[in-house]
Amino acid sequence: MKWRVILAVCFVLTLFTGFAYLYVNTFVRKHQHAVILFVVDGLDLNTLNLARQQLSRGPSRDEPDDPLIGDARRRVADRSSLLNLDSFWDVALLGVQDSGHPVPDEGADATALACGQRVDNGYVAMNSRNEALQSLMYSAAQAQRATGLVTTSSLVRPTPVAFYSNAKGTPAPYHNAEDLVYSGINIVLGGGGRYFTPASATNEWGRSDGRNLIDEASKRGYTVVQTRDELNKLSSWRSRQVFGIFAPSDFYFSSLQPEEREQPSLAEMTRAAISSLNYNINGYFLVVTHGLVARASEQNLGKLAVNEVGAVDEAIQAAVDYAGPDALVIVTNSYSLGALGPLPASVGTDALHPAASSTNPASVILAPTAPPAWLVGPGGPPVTKAQEDWVRHRYDEGWFNGAAPGLLTPQPAFRFAPQASPLAEPAWLAARGDGAGQLRGFFNNTDLFDLLSEQF
């Protein structure tokens, strides 16, 4: 009889504890159902401002959804709302450096965001003691959230990798590709297909181990999609795990997509990911990375970069529309690449680069005469014969095209370099939705890990 009483008491206590836990987590400690993080590499404030000028969508007719915003600020917003991003009321500046890491590279910046720790350049999600770091993606999974990773880059570039795998010193795309398939991330959409399939005559960058990771993903329960049509026809309520590979490496730039595009847009992938993730009762965490702004900016291709900002802005609106106005949506640029401003309207092709307008790409390359639009990059004046030869080779091979100034011809820069590199200037962050109020002011990019973990 005594044991029966003890068991009954234990049962009642357990039941009470369970109800208390559910009550606290449901009504006291509010968790945001949807947490969406956009990481747009290389989108500095100058490039963003150019996009606001050139991609204006007109004044917004929708009232801002933040009840704490005063009437004066509402009127300002109605007059100046040029991008969907302008509805993000909470803004912060993120420190990207410390004494030991003066100018972090892409992998180090991504690791700071994804894992909350600074690492040496060349390392991704791994510290100097060769210890793998846990990312926000796995913190969300431990909290029983569904997870998603969407990118227009190769899925094995440093920024996406920081959220699911690691690299030490040198890139490890084949190792990262394998880790991704076995990561447990529910929705994976992006490029980099050549690292997932065996090497062949048409895939010289393919895997030397003969493994077909796309087939392995299918065997692990993923619905595999490889075209835009397949993605758009996907039944979201039946597809809890999706693995989409749409390009051998990075996606094409939006401006260079064919009229009947085969690759899905960033907005389409974001919409598909949210539609599937929304069904998880415990909420979800979605990371959307867009590396094409950085790829254009690295080559001083300002018009391409601005057009990519437009692609990001469409995806931001898709996120708000499909996740709902209360969803916590964060946008950050991770790092900057040094855009200075637009070219004067009177500047023609000849001023951009003599080689750009010459019928002979091997003609002598002189310093550009237009005001510099970038700090450093291929648009800078070559000062050595090797640099001149490099520029000629880019025109000969078709990487640069003198018939498209700014689109495929580098805009002028102060100093020549084959590729612009990340700067030490602060990154920026903008947020909206429940929980966005704590993401304002000045803090380090490593702090985002803790701030978002509290939302899980």
Foldseek 3Di string as FASTA:
>chain_A
DVVVVVVVVVVVVVVVVVVVVCCCDPPPQDFFQAAEEEAEAACDPQLVVVLLVVQFPAFDPDFQPDPVDDPVVRVVNRHRVGFLLSSFDFKEWAFADDPVRQFEFLQQLLLLQFQLDGAHHQKHQAHPVRDHGAGLQVLCVVLVAAEEEAELFACQPNNNLNNFHIGHNHGDSLVSLLRVLVRRHAYYAYEQLQSQAADDPVRPVHDPVHHRSLVVSVVVPADEDAWPVCLLPDDQQVGRHHHYYHYNGGHDQPVPADPPGTHDFLLSSLLSVLSNRVPRPNHYYYYYYYHQLQVCVFAQLSVSNSVVVVSVSSNVVSNCVRVHQQHKYKYKHSFHQFFAHDWDPPDDLCQQWVLLPDPQNLPDTAARPTDAGGAEEQSGGDDDPVSSVVSSVCVVVPQAHSVDPSNRRHGHHNYYDHTGTTHSGIMMMTIGHPLSVVNHYYYHSSCNRVSVSSSD
